[in-house]
Amino acid sequence: AQMRDLVTELFGPLVQQEAQDRVAAPEEALD
């Protein structure tokens, strides 16, 4: 459980950045 929390902390910013990138370029996702 502690390791899961550490992994979430590590990848949290990366996941948020990827989500922002997808919102910024929706035409590529639809294409």
PDB file of all heavy atoms in Angstrom:
ATOM      1  N   ALA A   1       0.838  -1.203   0.000  1.00  0.00           N
ATOM      2  CA  ALA A   1       0.000   0.000   0.000  1.00  0.00           C
ATOM      3  C   ALA A   1       0.873   1.253   0.000  1.00  0.00           C
ATOM      4  O   ALA A   1       0.582   2.221  -0.716  1.00  0.00           O
ATOM      5  CB  ALA A   1      -0.935  -0.016   1.202  1.00  0.00           C
ATOM      6  N   GLN A   2       1.956   1.233   0.775  1.00  0.00           N
ATOM      7  CA  GLN A   2       2.873   2.370   0.785  1.00  0.00           C
ATOM      8  C   GLN A   2       3.535   2.550  -0.576  1.00  0.00           C
ATOM      9  O   GLN A   2       3.697   3.680  -1.058  1.00  0.00           O
ATOM     10  CB  GLN A   2       3.941   2.185   1.866  1.00  0.00           C
ATOM     11  CG  GLN A   2       3.422   2.303   3.270  1.00  0.00           C
ATOM     12  CD  GLN A   2       4.515   2.015   4.299  1.00  0.00           C
ATOM     13  OE1 GLN A   2       5.701   2.120   4.010  1.00  0.00           O
ATOM     14  NE2 GLN A   2       4.100   1.639   5.496  1.00  0.00           N
ATOM     15  N   MET A   3       3.924   1.446  -1.210  1.00  0.00           N
ATOM     16  CA  MET A   3       4.548   1.511  -2.531  1.00  0.00           C
ATOM     17  C   MET A   3       3.571   2.084  -3.551  1.00  0.00           C
ATOM     18  O   MET A   3       3.931   2.899  -4.396  1.00  0.00           O
ATOM     19  CB  MET A   3       5.048   0.133  -2.960  1.00  0.00           C
ATOM     20  CG  MET A   3       5.725   0.122  -4.324  1.00  0.00           C
ATOM     21  SD  MET A   3       7.198   1.147  -4.461  1.00  0.00           S
ATOM     22  CE  MET A   3       8.416   0.077  -3.725  1.00  0.00           C
ATOM     23  N   ARG A   4       2.313   1.653  -3.470  1.00  0.00           N
ATOM     24  CA  ARG A   4       1.290   2.186  -4.380  1.00  0.00           C
ATOM     25  C   ARG A   4       1.181   3.699  -4.233  1.00  0.00           C
ATOM     26  O   ARG A   4       1.102   4.424  -5.228  1.00  0.00           O
ATOM     27  CB  ARG A   4      -0.049   1.520  -4.098  1.00  0.00           C
ATOM     28  CG  ARG A   4      -1.162   1.996  -5.034  1.00  0.00           C
ATOM     29  CD  ARG A   4      -2.519   1.456  -4.673  1.00  0.00           C
ATOM     30  NE  ARG A   4      -2.871   1.964  -3.353  1.00  0.00           N
ATOM     31  CZ  ARG A   4      -3.454   1.268  -2.405  1.00  0.00           C
ATOM     32  NH1 ARG A   4      -3.770   0.013  -2.601  1.00  0.00           N
ATOM     33  NH2 ARG A   4      -3.735   1.805  -1.235  1.00  0.00           N
ATOM     34  N   ASP A   5       1.206   4.195  -2.995  1.00  0.00           N
ATOM     35  CA  ASP A   5       1.143   5.634  -2.768  1.00  0.00           C
ATOM     36  C   ASP A   5       2.353   6.349  -3.360  1.00  0.00           C
ATOM     37  O   ASP A   5       2.212   7.421  -3.967  1.00  0.00           O
ATOM     38  CB  ASP A   5       1.035   5.931  -1.270  1.00  0.00           C
ATOM     39  CG  ASP A   5      -0.288   5.471  -0.675  1.00  0.00           C
ATOM     40  OD1 ASP A   5      -1.266   5.249  -1.445  1.00  0.00           O
ATOM     41  OD2 ASP A   5      -0.353   5.340   0.567  1.00  0.00           O
ATOM     42  N   LEU A   6       3.528   5.761  -3.207  1.00  0.00           N
ATOM     43  CA  LEU A   6       4.731   6.371  -3.781  1.00  0.00           C
ATOM     44  C   LEU A   6       4.674   6.402  -5.305  1.00  0.00           C
ATOM     45  O   LEU A   6       5.067   7.384  -5.934  1.00  0.00           O
ATOM     46  CB  LEU A   6       5.980   5.615  -3.313  1.00  0.00           C
ATOM     47  CG  LEU A   6       6.370   5.775  -1.850  1.00  0.00           C
ATOM     48  CD1 LEU A   6       7.553   4.869  -1.512  1.00  0.00           C
ATOM     49  CD2 LEU A   6       6.698   7.217  -1.533  1.00  0.00           C
ATOM     50  N   VAL A   7       4.176   5.328  -5.902  1.00  0.00           N
ATOM     51  CA  VAL A   7       4.055   5.275  -7.363  1.00  0.00           C
ATOM     52  C   VAL A   7       3.041   6.322  -7.832  1.00  0.00           C
ATOM     53  O   VAL A   7       3.263   7.013  -8.841  1.00  0.00           O
ATOM     54  CB  VAL A   7       3.656   3.855  -7.827  1.00  0.00           C
ATOM     55  CG1 VAL A   7       3.268   3.848  -9.295  1.00  0.00           C
ATOM     56  CG2 VAL A   7       4.801   2.887  -7.579  1.00  0.00           C
ATOM     57  N   THR A   8       1.950   6.477  -7.098  1.00  0.00           N
ATOM     58  CA  THR A   8       0.947   7.487  -7.446  1.00  0.00           C
ATOM     59  C   THR A   8       1.560   8.881  -7.385  1.00  0.00           C
ATOM     60  O   THR A   8       1.323   9.708  -8.267  1.00  0.00           O
ATOM     61  CB  THR A   8      -0.253   7.389  -6.490  1.00  0.00           C
ATOM     62  OG1 THR A   8      -0.821   6.080  -6.612  1.00  0.00           O
ATOM     63  CG2 THR A   8      -1.305   8.420  -6.812  1.00  0.00           C
ATOM     64  N   GLU A   9       2.357   9.143  -6.354  1.00  0.00           N
ATOM     65  CA  GLU A   9       3.037  10.433  -6.245  1.00  0.00           C
ATOM     66  C   GLU A   9       4.005  10.649  -7.403  1.00  0.00           C
ATOM     67  O   GLU A   9       4.125  11.750  -7.938  1.00  0.00           O
ATOM     68  CB  GLU A   9       3.805  10.523  -4.927  1.00  0.00           C
ATOM     69  CG  GLU A   9       2.941  10.684  -3.704  1.00  0.00           C
ATOM     70  CD  GLU A   9       3.760  10.703  -2.427  1.00  0.00           C
ATOM     71  OE1 GLU A   9       4.969  11.051  -2.470  1.00  0.00           O
ATOM     72  OE2 GLU A   9       3.201  10.358  -1.376  1.00  0.00           O
ATOM     73  N   LEU A  10       4.711   9.595  -7.781  1.00  0.00           N
ATOM     74  CA  LEU A  10       5.694   9.700  -8.855  1.00  0.00           C
ATOM     75  C   LEU A  10       5.037   9.979 -10.200  1.00  0.00           C
ATOM     76  O   LEU A  10       5.464  10.843 -10.955  1.00  0.00           O
ATOM     77  CB  LEU A  10       6.529   8.410  -8.934  1.00  0.00           C
ATOM     78  CG  LEU A  10       7.540   8.320 -10.079  1.00  0.00           C
ATOM     79  CD1 LEU A  10       8.642   9.357  -9.912  1.00  0.00           C
ATOM     80  CD2 LEU A  10       8.134   6.931 -10.140  1.00  0.00           C
ATOM     81  N   PHE A  11       3.962   9.232 -10.493  1.00  0.00           N
ATOM     82  CA  PHE A  11       3.347   9.343 -11.811  1.00  0.00           C
ATOM     83  C   PHE A  11       2.217  10.353 -11.872  1.00  0.00           C
ATOM     84  O   PHE A  11       1.741  10.670 -12.960  1.00  0.00           O
ATOM     85  CB  PHE A  11       2.834   7.978 -12.276  1.00  0.00           C
ATOM     86  CG  PHE A  11       3.946   7.037 -12.650  1.00  0.00           C
ATOM     87  CD1 PHE A  11       4.180   5.902 -11.906  1.00  0.00           C
ATOM     88  CD2 PHE A  11       4.765   7.300 -13.726  1.00  0.00           C
ATOM     89  CE1 PHE A  11       5.201   5.035 -12.228  1.00  0.00           C
ATOM     90  CE2 PHE A  11       5.794   6.441 -14.068  1.00  0.00           C
ATOM     91  CZ  PHE A  11       6.011   5.302 -13.309  1.00  0.00           C
ATOM     92  N   GLY A  12       1.769  10.869 -10.746  1.00  0.00           N
ATOM     93  CA  GLY A  12       0.672  11.839 -10.736  1.00  0.00           C
ATOM     94  C   GLY A  12       0.895  13.013 -11.672  1.00  0.00           C
ATOM     95  O   GLY A  12       0.057  13.309 -12.528  1.00  0.00           O
ATOM     96  N   PRO A  13       2.022  13.710 -11.569  1.00  0.00           N
ATOM     97  CA  PRO A  13       2.266  14.841 -12.472  1.00  0.00           C
ATOM     98  C   PRO A  13       2.333  14.428 -13.945  1.00  0.00           C
ATOM     99  O   PRO A  13       1.881  15.157 -14.820  1.00  0.00           O
ATOM    100  CB  PRO A  13       3.620  15.392 -12.011  1.00  0.00           C
ATOM    101  CG  PRO A  13       3.777  14.927 -10.604  1.00  0.00           C
ATOM    102  CD  PRO A  13       3.059  13.613 -10.530  1.00  0.00           C
ATOM    103  N   LEU A  14       2.870  13.252 -14.221  1.00  0.00           N
ATOM    104  CA  LEU A  14       2.945  12.787 -15.611  1.00  0.00           C
ATOM    105  C   LEU A  14       1.556  12.513 -16.176  1.00  0.00           C
ATOM    106  O   LEU A  14       1.267  12.840 -17.323  1.00  0.00           O
ATOM    107  CB  LEU A  14       3.803  11.524 -15.699  1.00  0.00           C
ATOM    108  CG  LEU A  14       5.275  11.673 -15.325  1.00  0.00           C
ATOM    109  CD1 LEU A  14       5.953  10.316 -15.301  1.00  0.00           C
ATOM    110  CD2 LEU A  14       5.975  12.611 -16.269  1.00  0.00           C
ATOM    111  N   VAL A  15       0.694  11.921 -15.363  1.00  0.00           N
ATOM    112  CA  VAL A  15      -0.672  11.626 -15.794  1.00  0.00           C
ATOM    113  C   VAL A  15      -1.430  12.923 -16.033  1.00  0.00           C
ATOM    114  O   VAL A  15      -2.154  13.059 -17.024  1.00  0.00           O
ATOM    115  CB  VAL A  15      -1.391  10.727 -14.763  1.00  0.00           C
ATOM    116  CG1 VAL A  15      -2.863  10.606 -15.069  1.00  0.00           C
ATOM    117  CG2 VAL A  15      -0.738   9.364 -14.709  1.00  0.00           C
ATOM    118  N   GLN A  16      -1.261  13.890 -15.146  1.00  0.00           N
ATOM    119  CA  GLN A  16      -1.928  15.177 -15.313  1.00  0.00           C
ATOM    120  C   GLN A  16      -1.459  15.879 -16.577  1.00  0.00           C
ATOM    121  O   GLN A  16      -2.253  16.451 -17.318  1.00  0.00           O
ATOM    122  CB  GLN A  16      -1.688  16.064 -14.099  1.00  0.00           C
ATOM    123  CG  GLN A  16      -2.416  15.598 -12.865  1.00  0.00           C
ATOM    124  CD  GLN A  16      -2.074  16.435 -11.643  1.00  0.00           C
ATOM    125  OE1 GLN A  16      -1.213  17.316 -11.696  1.00  0.00           O
ATOM    126  NE2 GLN A  16      -2.737  16.149 -10.532  1.00  0.00           N
ATOM    127  N   GLN A  17      -0.158  15.834 -16.841  1.00  0.00           N
ATOM    128  CA  GLN A  17       0.383  16.464 -18.046  1.00  0.00           C
ATOM    129  C   GLN A  17      -0.168  15.805 -19.299  1.00  0.00           C
ATOM    130  O   GLN A  17      -0.541  16.481 -20.246  1.00  0.00           O
ATOM    131  CB  GLN A  17       1.923  16.399 -18.054  1.00  0.00           C
ATOM    132  CG  GLN A  17       2.555  17.043 -19.264  1.00  0.00           C
ATOM    133  CD  GLN A  17       2.268  18.526 -19.355  1.00  0.00           C
ATOM    134  OE1 GLN A  17       2.314  19.225 -18.346  1.00  0.00           O
ATOM    135  NE2 GLN A  17       1.971  19.022 -20.529  1.00  0.00           N
ATOM    136  N   GLU A  18      -0.260  14.469 -19.300  1.00  0.00           N
ATOM    137  CA  GLU A  18      -0.799  13.768 -20.458  1.00  0.00           C
ATOM    138  C   GLU A  18      -2.265  14.124 -20.668  1.00  0.00           C
ATOM    139  O   GLU A  18      -2.707  14.315 -21.798  1.00  0.00           O
ATOM    140  CB  GLU A  18      -0.645  12.258 -20.288  1.00  0.00           C
ATOM    141  CG  GLU A  18      -1.117  11.479 -21.501  1.00  0.00           C
ATOM    142  CD  GLU A  18      -0.901   9.991 -21.348  1.00  0.00           C
ATOM    143  OE1 GLU A  18       0.047   9.586 -20.670  1.00  0.00           O
ATOM    144  OE2 GLU A  18      -1.701   9.243 -21.939  1.00  0.00           O
ATOM    145  N   ALA A  19      -3.020  14.238 -19.589  1.00  0.00           N
ATOM    146  CA  ALA A  19      -4.435  14.612 -19.693  1.00  0.00           C
ATOM    147  C   ALA A  19      -4.565  16.018 -20.255  1.00  0.00           C
ATOM    148  O   ALA A  19      -5.433  16.279 -21.103  1.00  0.00           O
ATOM    149  CB  ALA A  19      -5.109  14.502 -18.341  1.00  0.00           C
ATOM    150  N   GLN A  20      -3.705  16.925 -19.835  1.00  0.00           N
ATOM    151  CA  GLN A  20      -3.741  18.288 -20.362  1.00  0.00           C
ATOM    152  C   GLN A  20      -3.377  18.300 -21.842  1.00  0.00           C
ATOM    153  O   GLN A  20      -3.953  19.051 -22.625  1.00  0.00           O
ATOM    154  CB  GLN A  20      -2.793  19.179 -19.570  1.00  0.00           C
ATOM    155  CG  GLN A  20      -3.279  19.467 -18.174  1.00  0.00           C
ATOM    156  CD  GLN A  20      -2.255  20.236 -17.349  1.00  0.00           C
ATOM    157  OE1 GLN A  20      -1.139  20.491 -17.803  1.00  0.00           O
ATOM    158  NE2 GLN A  20      -2.627  20.591 -16.130  1.00  0.00           N
ATOM    159  N   ASP A  21      -2.406  17.486 -22.227  1.00  0.00           N
ATOM    160  CA  ASP A  21      -2.018  17.419 -23.636  1.00  0.00           C
ATOM    161  C   ASP A  21      -3.159  16.908 -24.494  1.00  0.00           C
ATOM    162  O   ASP A  21      -3.365  17.368 -25.614  1.00  0.00           O
ATOM    163  CB  ASP A  21      -0.787  16.529 -23.811  1.00  0.00           C
ATOM    164  CG  ASP A  21       0.473  17.144 -23.209  1.00  0.00           C
ATOM    165  OD1 ASP A  21       0.453  18.353 -22.885  1.00  0.00           O
ATOM    166  OD2 ASP A  21       1.465  16.405 -23.043  1.00  0.00           O
ATOM    167  N   ARG A  22      -3.915  15.939 -23.991  1.00  0.00           N
ATOM    168  CA  ARG A  22      -5.042  15.408 -24.753  1.00  0.00           C
ATOM    169  C   ARG A  22      -6.149  16.435 -24.918  1.00  0.00           C
ATOM    170  O   ARG A  22      -6.787  16.513 -25.943  1.00  0.00           O
ATOM    171  CB  ARG A  22      -5.591  14.146 -24.088  1.00  0.00           C
ATOM    172  CG  ARG A  22      -4.680  12.973 -24.235  1.00  0.00           C
ATOM    173  CD  ARG A  22      -5.282  11.732 -23.659  1.00  0.00           C
ATOM    174  NE  ARG A  22      -4.361  10.614 -23.777  1.00  0.00           N
ATOM    175  CZ  ARG A  22      -4.640   9.397 -23.425  1.00  0.00           C
ATOM    176  NH1 ARG A  22      -5.813   9.106 -22.921  1.00  0.00           N
ATOM    177  NH2 ARG A  22      -3.747   8.448 -23.567  1.00  0.00           N
ATOM    178  N   VAL A  23      -6.381  17.241 -23.886  1.00  0.00           N
ATOM    179  CA  VAL A  23      -7.403  18.284 -23.950  1.00  0.00           C
ATOM    180  C   VAL A  23      -6.955  19.370 -24.913  1.00  0.00           C
ATOM    181  O   VAL A  23      -7.762  19.921 -25.654  1.00  0.00           O
ATOM    182  CB  VAL A  23      -7.675  18.865 -22.541  1.00  0.00           C
ATOM    183  CG1 VAL A  23      -8.545  20.099 -22.620  1.00  0.00           C
ATOM    184  CG2 VAL A  23      -8.327  17.808 -21.668  1.00  0.00           C
ATOM    185  N   ALA A  24      -5.664  19.664 -24.938  1.00  0.00           N
ATOM    186  CA  ALA A  24      -5.132  20.719 -25.798  1.00  0.00           C
ATOM    187  C   ALA A  24      -5.181  20.344 -27.274  1.00  0.00           C
ATOM    188  O   ALA A  24      -5.256  21.205 -28.139  1.00  0.00           O
ATOM    189  CB  ALA A  24      -3.703  21.044 -25.399  1.00  0.00           C
ATOM    190  N   ALA A  25      -5.155  19.066 -27.615  1.00  0.00           N
ATOM    191  CA  ALA A  25      -5.129  18.632 -29.014  1.00  0.00           C
ATOM    192  C   ALA A  25      -6.209  17.579 -29.264  1.00  0.00           C
ATOM    193  O   ALA A  25      -5.905  16.452 -29.638  1.00  0.00           O
ATOM    194  CB  ALA A  25      -3.760  18.086 -29.350  1.00  0.00           C
ATOM    195  N   PRO A  26      -7.509  17.927 -29.132  1.00  0.00           N
ATOM    196  CA  PRO A  26      -8.550  16.909 -29.315  1.00  0.00           C
ATOM    197  C   PRO A  26      -8.734  16.481 -30.763  1.00  0.00           C
ATOM    198  O   PRO A  26      -9.180  15.384 -31.029  1.00  0.00           O
ATOM    199  CB  PRO A  26      -9.810  17.590 -28.776  1.00  0.00           C
ATOM    200  CG  PRO A  26      -9.547  19.047 -28.965  1.00  0.00           C
ATOM    201  CD  PRO A  26      -8.059  19.206 -28.745  1.00  0.00           C
ATOM    202  N   GLU A  27      -8.364  17.330 -31.735  1.00  0.00           N
ATOM    203  CA  GLU A  27      -8.578  16.935 -33.131  1.00  0.00           C
ATOM    204  C   GLU A  27      -7.727  15.738 -33.519  1.00  0.00           C
ATOM    205  O   GLU A  27      -8.126  14.924 -34.346  1.00  0.00           O
ATOM    206  CB  GLU A  27      -8.326  18.102 -34.079  1.00  0.00           C
ATOM    207  CG  GLU A  27      -6.897  18.630 -34.092  1.00  0.00           C
ATOM    208  CD  GLU A  27      -6.622  19.650 -32.990  1.00  0.00           C
ATOM    209  OE1 GLU A  27      -7.553  20.014 -32.260  1.00  0.00           O
ATOM    210  OE2 GLU A  27      -5.468  20.059 -32.847  1.00  0.00           O
ATOM    211  N   GLU A  28      -6.556  15.582 -32.918  1.00  0.00           N
ATOM    212  CA  GLU A  28      -5.736  14.414 -33.207  1.00  0.00           C
ATOM    213  C   GLU A  28      -6.376  13.145 -32.671  1.00  0.00           C
ATOM    214  O   GLU A  28      -6.332  12.101 -33.300  1.00  0.00           O
ATOM    215  CB  GLU A  28      -4.341  14.580 -32.615  1.00  0.00           C
ATOM    216  CG  GLU A  28      -3.509  15.615 -33.329  1.00  0.00           C
ATOM    217  CD  GLU A  28      -2.123  15.733 -32.730  1.00  0.00           C
ATOM    218  OE1 GLU A  28      -1.688  14.765 -32.083  1.00  0.00           O
ATOM    219  OE2 GLU A  28      -1.483  16.767 -32.905  1.00  0.00           O
ATOM    220  N   ALA A  29      -6.982  13.248 -31.501  1.00  0.00           N
ATOM    221  CA  ALA A  29      -7.619  12.074 -30.904  1.00  0.00           C
ATOM    222  C   ALA A  29      -8.834  11.648 -31.716  1.00  0.00           C
ATOM    223  O   ALA A  29      -9.107  10.464 -31.885  1.00  0.00           O
ATOM    224  CB  ALA A  29      -8.029  12.372 -29.462  1.00  0.00           C
ATOM    225  N   LEU A  30      -9.560  12.616 -32.244  1.00  0.00           N
ATOM    226  CA  LEU A  30     -10.740  12.282 -33.048  1.00  0.00           C
ATOM    227  C   LEU A  30     -10.352  11.751 -34.412  1.00  0.00           C
ATOM    228  O   LEU A  30     -11.046  10.920 -34.984  1.00  0.00           O
ATOM    229  CB  LEU A  30     -11.622  13.531 -33.215  1.00  0.00           C
ATOM    230  CG  LEU A  30     -12.270  14.059 -31.939  1.00  0.00           C
ATOM    231  CD1 LEU A  30     -13.017  15.354 -32.233  1.00  0.00           C
ATOM    232  CD2 LEU A  30     -13.208  13.035 -31.335  1.00  0.00           C
ATOM    233  N   ASP A  31      -9.234  12.229 -34.935  1.00  0.00           N
ATOM    234  CA  ASP A  31      -8.791  11.819 -36.256  1.00  0.00           C
ATOM    235  C   ASP A  31      -8.361  10.362 -36.269  1.00  0.00           C
ATOM    236  O   ASP A  31      -8.525   9.663 -37.252  1.00  0.00           O
ATOM    237  CB  ASP A  31      -7.637  12.728 -36.701  1.00  0.00           C
ATOM    238  CG  ASP A  31      -7.177  12.427 -38.107  1.00  0.00           C
ATOM    239  OD1 ASP A  31      -8.019  12.050 -38.926  1.00  0.00           O
ATOM    240  OD2 ASP A  31      -5.978  12.566 -38.378  1.00  0.00           O
TER     241      ASP A  31
END
